[in-house]
Protein backbone atom coordinates (compact mmCIF):
# COMPACT_ATOMS: atom_id res chain seq x y z
CA UNK A 1 -11.76 3.54 3.73
CA UNK A 2 -10.92 -0.04 2.75
CA UNK A 3 -11.03 0.24 -1.29
CA UNK A 4 -8.88 3.50 -1.43
CA UNK A 5 -5.93 1.47 -0.36
CA UNK A 6 -6.34 -1.61 -1.77
CA UNK A 7 -7.37 -0.28 -5.11
CA UNK A 8 -4.91 2.95 -5.36
CA UNK A 9 -1.39 1.28 -3.65
CA UNK A 10 -1.26 -1.38 -6.10
CA UNK A 11 -2.11 0.90 -9.13
CA UNK A 12 0.65 3.40 -8.03
CA UNK A 13 3.15 0.88 -7.39
CA UNK A 14 2.47 -0.56 -10.75
CA UNK A 15 2.45 2.83 -12.66
CA UNK A 16 6.08 3.98 -11.18
CA UNK A 17 8.00 0.63 -10.76
CA UNK A 18 6.48 -1.14 -14.00
CA UNK A 19 7.60 -4.76 -12.24
CA UNK A 20 5.85 -7.48 -13.40
CA UNK A 21 7.45 -9.66 -10.03
CA UNK A 22 5.94 -7.70 -7.56
CA UNK A 23 3.52 -9.38 -5.69
CA UNK A 24 0.33 -6.55 -5.80
CA UNK A 25 -1.58 -8.49 -3.26
CA UNK A 26 1.31 -7.88 -0.38
CA UNK A 27 1.55 -4.26 -1.27
CA UNK A 28 -2.59 -4.24 -0.89
CA UNK A 29 -2.01 -5.79 2.36
CA UNK A 30 0.59 -3.46 3.25
CA UNK A 31 -1.57 -0.93 3.03
CA UNK A 32 -4.71 -1.73 4.99
CA UNK A 33 -2.36 -3.01 7.73
CA UNK A 34 -2.33 0.36 9.46
CA UNK A 35 -6.30 0.23 9.75
CA UNK A 36 -5.74 -2.47 12.55
CA UNK A 37 -4.97 0.58 14.65
CA UNK A 38 -8.96 1.49 13.83
CA UNK A 39 -9.27 -1.18 16.67
CA UNK A 40 -7.32 0.56 19.40
CA UNK A 41 -9.38 3.75 18.21
CA UNK A 42 -5.79 5.98 18.01
CA UNK A 43 -3.65 5.91 15.89
CA UNK A 44 0.35 4.25 16.83
CA UNK A 45 3.51 3.61 15.22
CA UNK A 46 1.52 1.77 12.10
CA UNK A 47 0.40 5.56 11.10
CA UNK A 48 3.69 6.79 11.23
CA UNK A 49 7.31 6.81 9.31
CA UNK A 50 8.81 5.14 12.04
CA UNK A 51 6.63 2.17 11.64
CA UNK A 52 7.13 1.68 7.75
CA UNK A 53 10.76 2.38 8.56
CA UNK A 54 10.92 -0.39 11.10
CA UNK A 55 8.82 -2.87 9.07
CA UNK A 56 11.31 -2.27 5.99
CA UNK A 57 14.19 -2.90 8.59
CA UNK A 58 12.70 -5.93 9.50
CA UNK A 59 12.36 -7.20 6.22
CA UNK A 60 15.69 -6.91 4.92
CA UNK A 61 17.30 -8.22 8.03
CA UNK A 62 15.19 -11.13 7.75
CA UNK A 63 15.42 -11.94 4.21
CA UNK A 64 19.18 -11.61 3.82
CA UNK A 65 20.34 -14.51 1.01
CA UNK A 66 16.82 -15.38 0.48
CA UNK A 67 16.27 -13.47 -2.87
CA UNK A 68 12.73 -14.66 -3.60
CA UNK A 69 10.95 -14.01 -0.26
CA UNK A 70 12.73 -11.01 -0.16
CA UNK A 71 11.20 -9.76 -3.16
CA UNK A 72 7.74 -10.38 -2.03
CA UNK A 73 7.82 -9.25 1.33
CA UNK A 74 8.93 -5.55 0.14
CA UNK A 75 5.52 -5.06 -0.88
CA UNK A 76 4.35 -4.95 3.03
CA UNK A 77 6.45 -1.65 3.68
CA UNK A 78 5.67 -0.09 0.55
CA UNK A 79 2.31 -0.41 0.83
CA UNK A 80 2.69 0.99 4.21
CA UNK A 81 4.66 4.14 2.93
CA UNK A 82 2.05 4.35 0.70
CA UNK A 83 -0.92 4.21 3.20
CA UNK A 84 0.66 7.03 4.91
CA UNK A 85 0.64 9.19 1.48
CA UNK A 86 -2.97 8.11 0.69
CA UNK A 87 -4.34 9.02 4.01
CA UNK A 88 -2.84 12.20 4.52
CA UNK A 89 -0.95 11.11 8.00
CA UNK A 90 2.41 13.14 6.21
CA UNK A 91 -0.10 16.28 7.22
CA UNK A 92 0.07 15.91 10.85
CA UNK A 93 4.03 16.02 12.15
CA UNK A 94 3.05 14.75 15.62
CA UNK A 95 1.46 11.65 14.50
CA UNK A 96 3.72 11.10 10.83
CA UNK A 97 7.35 12.08 12.52
CA UNK A 98 6.08 10.24 15.91
CA UNK A 99 8.13 9.50 18.43
CA UNK A 100 10.53 12.44 17.08
CA UNK A 101 7.43 15.42 18.62
CA UNK A 102 7.10 13.30 22.07
CA UNK A 103 5.91 9.84 23.21
CA UNK A 104 2.55 9.58 23.20
CA UNK A 105 0.09 9.98 20.82
CA UNK A 106 -2.97 10.51 23.47
CA UNK A 107 -5.49 12.94 21.53
CA UNK A 108 -4.47 12.16 18.44
CA UNK A 109 -7.45 11.42 15.95
CA UNK A 110 -6.91 8.35 13.19
CA UNK A 111 -6.91 10.13 9.58
CA UNK A 112 -9.52 7.64 8.57
CA UNK A 113 -11.51 9.25 10.67
CA UNK A 114 -12.10 12.63 9.30
CA UNK A 115 -13.88 14.16 6.65
CA UNK A 116 -16.43 11.30 6.01
CA UNK A 117 -17.58 13.25 3.00
CA UNK A 118 -14.29 13.35 1.58
CA UNK A 119 -13.45 9.44 2.15
CA UNK A 120 -16.69 8.15 0.63
CA UNK A 121 -16.04 10.36 -2.50
CA UNK A 122 -12.37 8.84 -2.53
CA UNK A 123 -13.88 5.20 -2.15
CA UNK A 124 -15.74 5.97 -5.33
CA UNK A 125 -12.97 7.00 -7.16
CA UNK A 126 -11.04 4.04 -6.15
CA UNK A 127 -13.64 2.11 -7.92
CA UNK A 128 -13.15 4.10 -10.93
CA UNK A 129 -9.99 4.06 -10.77
CA UNK A 130 -10.28 -0.14 -10.21
CA UNK A 131 -12.43 -0.24 -13.18
CA UNK A 132 -9.73 2.13 -15.40
CA UNK A 133 -6.96 -0.54 -13.90
CA UNK A 134 -8.99 -3.54 -14.72
CA UNK A 135 -8.42 -2.40 -18.53
CA UNK A 136 -4.52 -1.17 -18.43
CA UNK A 137 -3.75 -4.27 -16.89
CA UNK A 138 -5.61 -6.73 -18.87
CA UNK A 139 -7.54 -7.96 -16.12
CA UNK A 140 -10.55 -8.04 -18.28
CA UNK A 141 -9.34 -11.65 -19.15
CA UNK A 142 -10.14 -14.88 -16.91
CA UNK A 143 -6.32 -15.71 -17.13
CA UNK A 144 -4.56 -12.16 -16.10
CA UNK A 145 -7.16 -12.07 -13.04
CA UNK A 146 -6.11 -15.97 -12.14
CA UNK A 147 -2.33 -15.12 -12.15
CA UNK A 148 -3.11 -11.60 -10.27
CA UNK A 149 -5.11 -13.66 -7.64
CA UNK A 150 -2.48 -17.21 -7.32
CA UNK A 151 0.95 -15.37 -7.77
CA UNK A 152 -0.23 -11.64 -7.08
CA UNK A 153 1.74 -10.59 -10.20
CA UNK A 154 1.01 -9.21 -13.46
CA UNK A 155 1.65 -10.11 -17.03
CA UNK A 156 4.46 -8.33 -18.41
CA UNK A 157 2.24 -7.24 -21.52
CA UNK A 158 0.11 -5.74 -19.24
CA UNK A 159 2.62 -2.64 -17.92
CA UNK A 160 2.51 0.03 -20.15
CA UNK A 161 6.46 1.26 -20.85
CA UNK A 162 7.54 -2.28 -19.03
CA UNK A 163 10.99 -3.24 -20.80
CA UNK A 164 12.53 -6.25 -19.77
CA UNK A 165 16.14 -5.83 -18.47
CA UNK A 166 18.71 -6.96 -20.90
């Protein structure tokens, strides 16, 4: 379930916030970050709301008076919050609200491990969304792709409904 997170999180952020200055690479990184828990075979803090809130607090506290660094790093907790949404982690109260419903996650399965046919279908759907997003955000031009890869930004004209702040 890598493609699902890498494509869907940045697309959702672009559609909701319509900000050309978000680093969409960092949003994608935040969305896949909880997958490191696959290595230990069970969910822990990164699949809970507490993990995303802690990441947000760390970004806010470590970037005081560093506005540009904060703007870039805010994509990390945003991506982590979106992972919880896209993964369905919110549907399991013990995992999502950990540690409020107990201090251990023993016996909890990873949300990524269940319903393999559905997960494969979501990967295919994400490829379709990726193709749509390439057209919508003008990423079919080499310049726009290079900008996204180099800076993580989408061009202003590529964001439908974007209006510059006056």
